[in-house]
Amino acid sequence: MNLKTLTIISCIAFAAMACNSNHDQHAQAGNVADSTRIISLNGAVSEVLVAIGLEKNIAGTDITSNYPESLKSKPKLGHNKNINAEGVMALQPDLIIGLKKEITPALAAQFKAAGIRLLLVDQEYTAEGTKQLIHTLADSLHYAAKGDSVVKVLEGDLSKLKVADGTAKKPKVLFIYARGTGTMMVGGTGTQVDKAIALAGGVNAVTAFADYKPLTAEALVQANPDVILLFDSGLESLGGAAGLAKVQGIAETNAGKNKKIISMDGELLSSFGPRLGIAIQELAAKIK
């Protein structure tokens, strides 16, 4: 076999290897075709999908999916804990993605009976839980490399958090969920905001119960928070800080006396999605 023949064979082999490599890359990304219609039923899930490059495939979302701004134009299907199957299926999705804890078995069964692919994932309200959520979604959709990149950005944001001296006193933060003075709830342990407060270097002023309970003047005075935290929309519904100050019991707390009333975007603070590091940085700065 002469040198010319060997050269030709080598070129053919190299071309075949390159072709196979391109085929493998296409197959990796091909799990979600350009025509695949995705319904996302959770705000954090929607943020991940956009971050890994699948915004064009999102055909509809729940009402908590409003970031980035462009998602607000997508058809909305109600709150993720109260989804109507017919409304979802009217959008003719190929794939529905949500959280296991938010999609009831009955609703999941309806989707499966209609022949629609369903991807349900877990979410833990921790930094590691957020990374796992991103990896799980990206890996399941064959966008692992994109998922790795999103996690790296998240880790960079989290690394900017300044850890306070262990001997420093942590501010007591009380979270109030409000929709006007007629609906005011206090956030106890185990909630997303409770976990965010801890990550930001504070402590929840309420530890006697989990989840949410109606706000009372007695509970306010007993908790005596250094800081009172609300969602932006909640504080606005009360007429701002001046309106909150009129609520019975607020003025008797350290937060009320020192006018330490803060608010944040609700989805940013509580979603535990790709922007978690940004959210915790903002909260940490505000509760100081």
C-alpha atoms as a PDB file:
ATOM      1  CA  MET A   1       0.000   0.000   0.000  1.00  0.00           C
ATOM      2  CA  ASN A   2       1.583   3.284  -1.076  1.00  0.00           C
ATOM      3  CA  LEU A   3       1.678   6.604   0.786  1.00  0.00           C
ATOM      4  CA  LYS A   4      -1.022   8.157  -1.403  1.00  0.00           C
ATOM      5  CA  THR A   5      -3.451   5.329  -0.647  1.00  0.00           C
ATOM      6  CA  LEU A   6      -2.758   5.590   3.108  1.00  0.00           C
ATOM      7  CA  THR A   7      -3.423   9.326   2.990  1.00  0.00           C
ATOM      8  CA  ILE A   8      -6.785   8.825   1.264  1.00  0.00           C
ATOM      9  CA  ILE A   9      -7.848   6.159   3.791  1.00  0.00           C
ATOM     10  CA  SER A  10      -6.823   8.396   6.701  1.00  0.00           C
ATOM     11  CA  CYS A  11      -8.857  11.316   5.326  1.00  0.00           C
ATOM     12  CA  ILE A  12     -11.922   9.105   4.905  1.00  0.00           C
ATOM     13  CA  ALA A  13     -11.567   7.798   8.480  1.00  0.00           C
ATOM     14  CA  PHE A  14     -11.180  11.316   9.889  1.00  0.00           C
ATOM     15  CA  ALA A  15     -14.257  12.519   8.005  1.00  0.00           C
ATOM     16  CA  ALA A  16     -16.266   9.591   9.327  1.00  0.00           C
ATOM     17  CA  MET A  17     -15.195  10.359  12.897  1.00  0.00           C
ATOM     18  CA  ALA A  18     -16.151  14.021  12.464  1.00  0.00           C
ATOM     19  CA  CYS A  19     -19.529  13.026  11.080  1.00  0.00           C
ATOM     20  CA  ASN A  20     -20.176  10.685  14.015  1.00  0.00           C
ATOM     21  CA  SER A  21     -19.148  13.416  16.443  1.00  0.00           C
ATOM     22  CA  ASN A  22     -21.569  15.879  14.862  1.00  0.00           C
ATOM     23  CA  HIS A  23     -24.290  13.241  14.917  1.00  0.00           C
ATOM     24  CA  ASP A  24     -23.721  12.623  18.645  1.00  0.00           C
ATOM     25  CA  GLN A  25     -23.946  16.346  19.414  1.00  0.00           C
ATOM     26  CA  HIS A  26     -27.150  16.624  17.394  1.00  0.00           C
ATOM     27  CA  ALA A  27     -28.646  13.631  19.208  1.00  0.00           C
ATOM     28  CA  GLN A  28     -27.705  15.149  22.565  1.00  0.00           C
ATOM     29  CA  ALA A  29     -29.643  18.331  21.799  1.00  0.00           C
ATOM     30  CA  GLY A  30     -32.279  16.610  19.693  1.00  0.00           C
ATOM     31  CA  ASN A  31     -34.324  15.406  22.669  1.00  0.00           C
ATOM     32  CA  VAL A  32     -36.111  18.762  22.468  1.00  0.00           C
ATOM     33  CA  ALA A  33     -36.714  19.601  18.813  1.00  0.00           C
ATOM     34  CA  ASP A  34     -37.426  23.124  17.595  1.00  0.00           C
ATOM     35  CA  SER A  35     -41.079  22.118  17.225  1.00  0.00           C
ATOM     36  CA  THR A  36     -41.396  20.684  20.779  1.00  0.00           C
ATOM     37  CA  ARG A  37     -44.060  22.599  22.714  1.00  0.00           C
ATOM     38  CA  ILE A  38     -43.352  22.807  26.440  1.00  0.00           C
ATOM     39  CA  ILE A  39     -45.704  23.852  29.230  1.00  0.00           C
ATOM     40  CA  SER A  40     -43.871  24.983  32.380  1.00  0.00           C
ATOM     41  CA  LEU A  41     -45.885  24.971  35.596  1.00  0.00           C
ATOM     42  CA  ASN A  42     -43.414  26.595  37.987  1.00  0.00           C
ATOM     43  CA  GLY A  43     -41.532  29.897  37.997  1.00  0.00           C
ATOM     44  CA  ALA A  44     -38.135  28.429  38.910  1.00  0.00           C
ATOM     45  CA  VAL A  45     -38.546  25.715  36.267  1.00  0.00           C
ATOM     46  CA  SER A  46     -39.370  28.356  33.660  1.00  0.00           C
ATOM     47  CA  GLU A  47     -36.256  30.360  34.565  1.00  0.00           C
ATOM     48  CA  VAL A  48     -34.091  27.271  34.136  1.00  0.00           C
ATOM     49  CA  LEU A  49     -35.646  26.457  30.765  1.00  0.00           C
ATOM     50  CA  VAL A  50     -34.919  29.972  29.531  1.00  0.00           C
ATOM     51  CA  ALA A  51     -31.388  29.876  30.948  1.00  0.00           C
ATOM     52  CA  ILE A  52     -30.523  26.686  29.044  1.00  0.00           C
ATOM     53  CA  GLY A  53     -31.900  28.053  25.791  1.00  0.00           C
ATOM     54  CA  LEU A  54     -35.422  26.650  25.548  1.00  0.00           C
ATOM     55  CA  GLU A  55     -37.541  29.813  25.808  1.00  0.00           C
ATOM     56  CA  LYS A  56     -38.645  29.444  22.189  1.00  0.00           C
ATOM     57  CA  ASN A  57     -40.182  26.069  23.060  1.00  0.00           C
ATOM     58  CA  ILE A  58     -42.296  27.346  25.971  1.00  0.00           C
ATOM     59  CA  ALA A  59     -45.928  27.402  24.801  1.00  0.00           C
ATOM     60  CA  GLY A  60     -47.476  28.393  28.132  1.00  0.00           C
ATOM     61  CA  THR A  61     -46.735  28.801  31.842  1.00  0.00           C
ATOM     62  CA  ASP A  62     -48.308  29.141  35.262  1.00  0.00           C
ATOM     63  CA  ILE A  63     -48.776  32.659  36.682  1.00  0.00           C
ATOM     64  CA  THR A  64     -45.571  32.509  38.781  1.00  0.00           C
ATOM     65  CA  SER A  65     -43.451  32.418  35.606  1.00  0.00           C
ATOM     66  CA  ASN A  66     -42.691  36.086  34.936  1.00  0.00           C
ATOM     67  CA  TYR A  67     -38.916  36.196  34.625  1.00  0.00           C
ATOM     68  CA  PRO A  68     -37.425  37.063  32.266  1.00  0.00           C
ATOM     69  CA  GLU A  69     -39.873  39.786  31.228  1.00  0.00           C
ATOM     70  CA  SER A  70     -40.511  38.055  27.908  1.00  0.00           C
ATOM     71  CA  LEU A  71     -42.297  35.198  29.709  1.00  0.00           C
ATOM     72  CA  LYS A  72     -45.125  37.554  30.665  1.00  0.00           C
ATOM     73  CA  SER A  73     -46.366  37.377  27.070  1.00  0.00           C
ATOM     74  CA  LYS A  74     -46.753  33.587  27.203  1.00  0.00           C
ATOM     75  CA  PRO A  75     -50.279  32.176  27.735  1.00  0.00           C
ATOM     76  CA  LYS A  76     -50.967  31.845  31.485  1.00  0.00           C
ATOM     77  CA  LEU A  77     -52.651  28.755  32.928  1.00  0.00           C
ATOM     78  CA  GLY A  78     -53.410  29.790  36.507  1.00  0.00           C
ATOM     79  CA  HIS A  79     -51.487  29.116  39.702  1.00  0.00           C
ATOM     80  CA  ASN A  80     -49.287  26.027  39.752  1.00  0.00           C
ATOM     81  CA  LYS A  81     -51.292  24.602  42.662  1.00  0.00           C
ATOM     82  CA  ASN A  82     -54.605  24.977  40.858  1.00  0.00           C
ATOM     83  CA  ILE A  83     -54.032  23.964  37.244  1.00  0.00           C
ATOM     84  CA  ASN A  84     -56.898  23.046  34.919  1.00  0.00           C
ATOM     85  CA  ALA A  85     -55.944  20.102  32.692  1.00  0.00           C
ATOM     86  CA  GLU A  86     -58.203  21.178  29.828  1.00  0.00           C
ATOM     87  CA  GLY A  87     -56.564  24.599  29.666  1.00  0.00           C
ATOM     88  CA  VAL A  88     -53.128  23.019  29.468  1.00  0.00           C
ATOM     89  CA  MET A  89     -54.081  20.499  26.797  1.00  0.00           C
ATOM     90  CA  ALA A  90     -55.752  23.206  24.700  1.00  0.00           C
ATOM     91  CA  LEU A  91     -52.231  24.524  24.021  1.00  0.00           C
ATOM     92  CA  GLN A  92     -51.323  21.143  22.493  1.00  0.00           C
ATOM     93  CA  PRO A  93     -48.098  20.548  24.451  1.00  0.00           C
ATOM     94  CA  ASP A  94     -45.624  17.778  23.739  1.00  0.00           C
ATOM     95  CA  LEU A  95     -44.046  18.039  27.181  1.00  0.00           C
ATOM     96  CA  ILE A  96     -45.273  19.334  30.553  1.00  0.00           C
ATOM     97  CA  ILE A  97     -42.735  20.174  33.275  1.00  0.00           C
ATOM     98  CA  GLY A  98     -43.443  20.952  36.925  1.00  0.00           C
ATOM     99  CA  LEU A  99     -42.616  20.142  40.529  1.00  0.00           C
ATOM    100  CA  LYS A 100     -43.709  16.846  42.061  1.00  0.00           C
ATOM    101  CA  LYS A 101     -45.144  18.557  45.126  1.00  0.00           C
ATOM    102  CA  GLU A 102     -47.318  20.904  43.057  1.00  0.00           C
ATOM    103  CA  ILE A 103     -48.871  18.514  40.516  1.00  0.00           C
ATOM    104  CA  THR A 104     -51.517  16.242  42.009  1.00  0.00           C
ATOM    105  CA  PRO A 105     -51.585  12.540  41.066  1.00  0.00           C
ATOM    106  CA  ALA A 106     -55.011  13.055  39.477  1.00  0.00           C
ATOM    107  CA  LEU A 107     -53.729  15.886  37.265  1.00  0.00           C
ATOM    108  CA  ALA A 108     -50.647  13.882  36.306  1.00  0.00           C
ATOM    109  CA  ALA A 109     -52.869  10.955  35.362  1.00  0.00           C
ATOM    110  CA  GLN A 110     -54.943  13.197  33.066  1.00  0.00           C
ATOM    111  CA  PHE A 111     -51.845  14.373  31.236  1.00  0.00           C
ATOM    112  CA  LYS A 112     -50.505  10.840  30.848  1.00  0.00           C
ATOM    113  CA  ALA A 113     -53.877   9.553  29.643  1.00  0.00           C
ATOM    114  CA  ALA A 114     -53.766  12.218  26.929  1.00  0.00           C
ATOM    115  CA  GLY A 115     -50.386  10.869  25.808  1.00  0.00           C
ATOM    116  CA  ILE A 116     -48.424  13.947  26.873  1.00  0.00           C
ATOM    117  CA  ARG A 117     -44.902  13.505  28.210  1.00  0.00           C
ATOM    118  CA  LEU A 118     -44.630  14.624  31.823  1.00  0.00           C
ATOM    119  CA  LEU A 119     -41.432  15.596  33.650  1.00  0.00           C
ATOM    120  CA  LEU A 120     -41.851  16.199  37.385  1.00  0.00           C
ATOM    121  CA  VAL A 121     -38.850  17.114  39.514  1.00  0.00           C
ATOM    122  CA  ASP A 122     -38.060  17.730  43.173  1.00  0.00           C
ATOM    123  CA  GLN A 123     -37.035  21.083  44.631  1.00  0.00           C
ATOM    124  CA  GLU A 124     -35.325  21.747  47.950  1.00  0.00           C
ATOM    125  CA  TYR A 125     -35.031  25.290  49.259  1.00  0.00           C
ATOM    126  CA  THR A 126     -31.264  25.285  49.644  1.00  0.00           C
ATOM    127  CA  ALA A 127     -28.341  26.376  47.490  1.00  0.00           C
ATOM    128  CA  GLU A 128     -27.530  22.742  46.719  1.00  0.00           C
ATOM    129  CA  GLY A 129     -31.190  22.055  46.026  1.00  0.00           C
ATOM    130  CA  THR A 130     -31.240  24.827  43.425  1.00  0.00           C
ATOM    131  CA  LYS A 131     -28.123  23.442  41.736  1.00  0.00           C
ATOM    132  CA  GLN A 132     -29.715  20.001  41.688  1.00  0.00           C
ATOM    133  CA  LEU A 133     -32.903  21.394  40.156  1.00  0.00           C
ATOM    134  CA  ILE A 134     -30.900  22.976  37.334  1.00  0.00           C
ATOM    135  CA  HIS A 135     -28.846  19.831  36.718  1.00  0.00           C
ATOM    136  CA  THR A 136     -31.903  17.555  36.800  1.00  0.00           C
ATOM    137  CA  LEU A 137     -33.829  19.625  34.271  1.00  0.00           C
ATOM    138  CA  ALA A 138     -30.846  20.184  31.971  1.00  0.00           C
ATOM    139  CA  ASP A 139     -29.760  16.541  32.080  1.00  0.00           C
ATOM    140  CA  SER A 140     -33.302  15.238  31.518  1.00  0.00           C
ATOM    141  CA  LEU A 141     -33.668  17.423  28.434  1.00  0.00           C
ATOM    142  CA  HIS A 142     -30.166  16.551  27.151  1.00  0.00           C
ATOM    143  CA  TYR A 143     -28.808  20.051  27.741  1.00  0.00           C
ATOM    144  CA  ALA A 144     -26.264  19.024  30.370  1.00  0.00           C
ATOM    145  CA  ALA A 145     -23.522  21.372  29.184  1.00  0.00           C
ATOM    146  CA  LYS A 146     -25.882  24.362  29.290  1.00  0.00           C
ATOM    147  CA  GLY A 147     -26.958  23.317  32.778  1.00  0.00           C
ATOM    148  CA  ASP A 148     -23.345  23.212  33.944  1.00  0.00           C
ATOM    149  CA  SER A 149     -22.863  26.773  32.694  1.00  0.00           C
ATOM    150  CA  VAL A 150     -25.954  28.023  34.559  1.00  0.00           C
ATOM    151  CA  VAL A 151     -24.763  26.384  37.781  1.00  0.00           C
ATOM    152  CA  LYS A 152     -21.335  27.999  37.420  1.00  0.00           C
ATOM    153  CA  VAL A 153     -22.950  31.433  37.209  1.00  0.00           C
ATOM    154  CA  LEU A 154     -25.066  30.627  40.281  1.00  0.00           C
ATOM    155  CA  GLU A 155     -22.004  29.504  42.211  1.00  0.00           C
ATOM    156  CA  GLY A 156     -20.249  32.741  41.264  1.00  0.00           C
ATOM    157  CA  ASP A 157     -23.186  34.770  42.608  1.00  0.00           C
ATOM    158  CA  LEU A 158     -23.287  32.763  45.845  1.00  0.00           C
ATOM    159  CA  SER A 159     -19.530  33.152  46.335  1.00  0.00           C
ATOM    160  CA  LYS A 160     -19.999  36.926  46.591  1.00  0.00           C
ATOM    161  CA  LEU A 161     -21.936  36.560  49.832  1.00  0.00           C
ATOM    162  CA  LYS A 162     -19.983  37.814  52.813  1.00  0.00           C
ATOM    163  CA  VAL A 163     -20.174  35.413  55.741  1.00  0.00           C
ATOM    164  CA  ALA A 164     -20.643  37.326  58.990  1.00  0.00           C
ATOM    165  CA  ASP A 165     -18.473  36.682  62.008  1.00  0.00           C
ATOM    166  CA  GLY A 166     -19.887  33.805  64.029  1.00  0.00           C
ATOM    167  CA  THR A 167     -20.051  35.982  67.131  1.00  0.00           C
ATOM    168  CA  ALA A 168     -22.064  38.714  65.407  1.00  0.00           C
ATOM    169  CA  LYS A 169     -25.702  39.028  66.382  1.00  0.00           C
ATOM    170  CA  LYS A 170     -28.027  37.923  63.590  1.00  0.00           C
ATOM    171  CA  PRO A 171     -30.965  40.211  62.837  1.00  0.00           C
ATOM    172  CA  LYS A 172     -34.406  38.803  63.618  1.00  0.00           C
ATOM    173  CA  VAL A 173     -36.488  39.028  60.463  1.00  0.00           C
ATOM    174  CA  LEU A 174     -40.268  38.713  60.330  1.00  0.00           C
ATOM    175  CA  PHE A 175     -41.827  37.970  56.958  1.00  0.00           C
ATOM    176  CA  ILE A 176     -45.390  39.161  56.413  1.00  0.00           C
ATOM    177  CA  TYR A 177     -47.340  37.934  53.397  1.00  0.00           C
ATOM    178  CA  ALA A 178     -49.936  40.588  52.647  1.00  0.00           C
ATOM    179  CA  ARG A 179     -52.713  41.260  50.182  1.00  0.00           C
ATOM    180  CA  GLY A 180     -54.140  44.358  51.776  1.00  0.00           C
ATOM    181  CA  THR A 181     -54.936  44.679  55.471  1.00  0.00           C
ATOM    182  CA  GLY A 182     -57.617  41.999  55.133  1.00  0.00           C
ATOM    183  CA  THR A 183     -55.062  39.286  54.326  1.00  0.00           C
ATOM    184  CA  MET A 184     -51.888  39.379  56.399  1.00  0.00           C
ATOM    185  CA  MET A 185     -50.009  36.192  57.245  1.00  0.00           C
ATOM    186  CA  VAL A 186     -46.819  35.612  59.232  1.00  0.00           C
ATOM    187  CA  GLY A 187     -44.227  33.254  57.779  1.00  0.00           C
ATOM    188  CA  GLY A 188     -43.044  30.532  60.143  1.00  0.00           C
ATOM    189  CA  THR A 189     -40.388  27.864  59.644  1.00  0.00           C
ATOM    190  CA  GLY A 190     -39.907  25.733  56.550  1.00  0.00           C
ATOM    191  CA  THR A 191     -41.044  28.291  53.972  1.00  0.00           C
ATOM    192  CA  GLN A 192     -38.953  29.535  51.048  1.00  0.00           C
ATOM    193  CA  VAL A 193     -38.573  32.939  52.707  1.00  0.00           C
ATOM    194  CA  ASP A 194     -37.508  31.321  55.988  1.00  0.00           C
ATOM    195  CA  LYS A 195     -34.726  29.495  54.132  1.00  0.00           C
ATOM    196  CA  ALA A 196     -33.736  32.674  52.272  1.00  0.00           C
ATOM    197  CA  ILE A 197     -33.479  34.626  55.527  1.00  0.00           C
ATOM    198  CA  ALA A 198     -31.100  32.015  56.938  1.00  0.00           C
ATOM    199  CA  LEU A 199     -28.929  32.054  53.784  1.00  0.00           C
ATOM    200  CA  ALA A 200     -28.744  35.853  54.029  1.00  0.00           C
ATOM    201  CA  GLY A 201     -27.399  35.713  57.587  1.00  0.00           C
ATOM    202  CA  GLY A 202     -30.583  36.442  59.497  1.00  0.00           C
ATOM    203  CA  VAL A 203     -32.897  34.391  61.706  1.00  0.00           C
ATOM    204  CA  ASN A 204     -36.634  34.028  61.417  1.00  0.00           C
ATOM    205  CA  ALA A 205     -38.316  35.951  64.218  1.00  0.00           C
ATOM    206  CA  VAL A 206     -41.016  33.268  64.342  1.00  0.00           C
ATOM    207  CA  THR A 207     -40.057  29.672  65.158  1.00  0.00           C
ATOM    208  CA  ALA A 208     -43.100  28.453  67.106  1.00  0.00           C
ATOM    209  CA  PHE A 209     -44.894  27.149  64.019  1.00  0.00           C
ATOM    210  CA  ALA A 210     -44.318  26.106  60.415  1.00  0.00           C
ATOM    211  CA  ASP A 211     -45.778  27.557  57.234  1.00  0.00           C
ATOM    212  CA  TYR A 212     -48.125  30.556  57.609  1.00  0.00           C
ATOM    213  CA  LYS A 213     -50.579  31.809  60.231  1.00  0.00           C
ATOM    214  CA  PRO A 214     -52.734  34.953  60.420  1.00  0.00           C
ATOM    215  CA  LEU A 215     -50.945  38.010  61.767  1.00  0.00           C
ATOM    216  CA  THR A 216     -51.983  39.218  65.235  1.00  0.00           C
ATOM    217  CA  ALA A 217     -50.797  42.198  67.260  1.00  0.00           C
ATOM    218  CA  GLU A 218     -49.851  39.851  70.104  1.00  0.00           C
ATOM    219  CA  ALA A 219     -47.701  37.707  67.823  1.00  0.00           C
ATOM    220  CA  LEU A 220     -45.971  40.814  66.459  1.00  0.00           C
ATOM    221  CA  VAL A 221     -45.051  42.116  69.892  1.00  0.00           C
ATOM    222  CA  GLN A 222     -43.896  38.687  71.054  1.00  0.00           C
ATOM    223  CA  ALA A 223     -41.721  38.139  67.982  1.00  0.00           C
ATOM    224  CA  ASN A 224     -40.287  41.679  68.257  1.00  0.00           C
ATOM    225  CA  PRO A 225     -38.380  41.548  64.956  1.00  0.00           C
ATOM    226  CA  ASP A 226     -35.448  43.786  64.103  1.00  0.00           C
ATOM    227  CA  VAL A 227     -36.556  43.789  60.476  1.00  0.00           C
ATOM    228  CA  ILE A 228     -39.953  43.332  58.828  1.00  0.00           C
ATOM    229  CA  LEU A 229     -39.841  41.878  55.321  1.00  0.00           C
ATOM    230  CA  LEU A 230     -42.589  41.809  52.695  1.00  0.00           C
ATOM    231  CA  PHE A 231     -42.908  41.208  48.986  1.00  0.00           C
ATOM    232  CA  ASP A 232     -42.967  44.448  46.964  1.00  0.00           C
ATOM    233  CA  SER A 233     -46.558  43.740  45.950  1.00  0.00           C
ATOM    234  CA  GLY A 234     -47.545  43.041  49.554  1.00  0.00           C
ATOM    235  CA  LEU A 235     -46.116  46.281  50.904  1.00  0.00           C
ATOM    236  CA  GLU A 236     -47.750  48.196  48.075  1.00  0.00           C
ATOM    237  CA  SER A 237     -51.123  46.627  48.922  1.00  0.00           C
ATOM    238  CA  LEU A 238     -50.840  48.113  52.414  1.00  0.00           C
ATOM    239  CA  GLY A 239     -50.052  51.593  51.205  1.00  0.00           C
ATOM    240  CA  GLY A 240     -46.293  51.333  51.626  1.00  0.00           C
ATOM    241  CA  ALA A 241     -44.273  51.545  54.844  1.00  0.00           C
ATOM    242  CA  ALA A 242     -46.533  54.309  56.148  1.00  0.00           C
ATOM    243  CA  GLY A 243     -49.558  52.054  55.743  1.00  0.00           C
ATOM    244  CA  LEU A 244     -47.844  49.114  57.439  1.00  0.00           C
ATOM    245  CA  ALA A 245     -46.858  51.346  60.371  1.00  0.00           C
ATOM    246  CA  LYS A 246     -50.562  51.820  61.094  1.00  0.00           C
ATOM    247  CA  VAL A 247     -51.122  48.070  61.587  1.00  0.00           C
ATOM    248  CA  GLN A 248     -51.666  47.292  65.276  1.00  0.00           C
ATOM    249  CA  GLY A 249     -48.519  46.029  66.979  1.00  0.00           C
ATOM    250  CA  ILE A 250     -46.006  47.197  64.345  1.00  0.00           C
ATOM    251  CA  ALA A 251     -45.026  50.357  66.229  1.00  0.00           C
ATOM    252  CA  GLU A 252     -44.184  48.324  69.367  1.00  0.00           C
ATOM    253  CA  THR A 253     -41.535  46.222  67.608  1.00  0.00           C
ATOM    254  CA  ASN A 254     -37.874  47.121  67.166  1.00  0.00           C
ATOM    255  CA  ALA A 255     -38.457  47.123  63.412  1.00  0.00           C
ATOM    256  CA  GLY A 256     -41.329  49.578  63.774  1.00  0.00           C
ATOM    257  CA  LYS A 257     -39.426  51.862  66.134  1.00  0.00           C
ATOM    258  CA  ASN A 258     -36.375  51.910  63.843  1.00  0.00           C
ATOM    259  CA  LYS A 259     -38.435  52.031  60.648  1.00  0.00           C
ATOM    260  CA  LYS A 260     -36.673  48.912  59.398  1.00  0.00           C
ATOM    261  CA  ILE A 261     -39.292  47.848  56.848  1.00  0.00           C
ATOM    262  CA  ILE A 262     -37.933  46.248  53.677  1.00  0.00           C
ATOM    263  CA  SER A 263     -39.422  44.588  50.610  1.00  0.00           C
ATOM    264  CA  MET A 264     -38.265  42.522  47.654  1.00  0.00           C
ATOM    265  CA  ASP A 265     -39.643  41.123  44.427  1.00  0.00           C
ATOM    266  CA  GLY A 266     -41.613  38.061  45.474  1.00  0.00           C
ATOM    267  CA  GLU A 267     -40.535  35.746  42.676  1.00  0.00           C
ATOM    268  CA  LEU A 268     -36.881  36.698  43.044  1.00  0.00           C
ATOM    269  CA  LEU A 269     -36.932  36.126  46.793  1.00  0.00           C
ATOM    270  CA  SER A 270     -38.878  32.885  46.941  1.00  0.00           C
ATOM    271  CA  SER A 271     -38.385  30.949  43.696  1.00  0.00           C
ATOM    272  CA  PHE A 272     -34.966  29.390  44.497  1.00  0.00           C
ATOM    273  CA  GLY A 273     -34.117  29.357  40.814  1.00  0.00           C
ATOM    274  CA  PRO A 274     -31.002  30.434  38.871  1.00  0.00           C
ATOM    275  CA  ARG A 275     -31.122  33.934  40.425  1.00  0.00           C
ATOM    276  CA  LEU A 276     -30.842  32.615  43.990  1.00  0.00           C
ATOM    277  CA  GLY A 277     -27.390  34.126  44.535  1.00  0.00           C
ATOM    278  CA  ILE A 278     -28.599  37.544  43.383  1.00  0.00           C
ATOM    279  CA  ALA A 279     -31.654  37.308  45.647  1.00  0.00           C
ATOM    280  CA  ILE A 280     -29.648  36.392  48.736  1.00  0.00           C
ATOM    281  CA  GLN A 281     -27.101  39.143  48.083  1.00  0.00           C
ATOM    282  CA  GLU A 282     -29.926  41.705  47.945  1.00  0.00           C
ATOM    283  CA  LEU A 283     -31.633  40.357  51.067  1.00  0.00           C
ATOM    284  CA  ALA A 284     -28.372  40.231  53.026  1.00  0.00           C
ATOM    285  CA  ALA A 285     -27.687  43.877  52.189  1.00  0.00           C
ATOM    286  CA  LYS A 286     -31.189  44.958  53.210  1.00  0.00           C
ATOM    287  CA  ILE A 287     -31.380  43.198  56.584  1.00  0.00           C
ATOM    288  CA  LYS A 288     -28.062  44.572  57.878  1.00  0.00           C
END
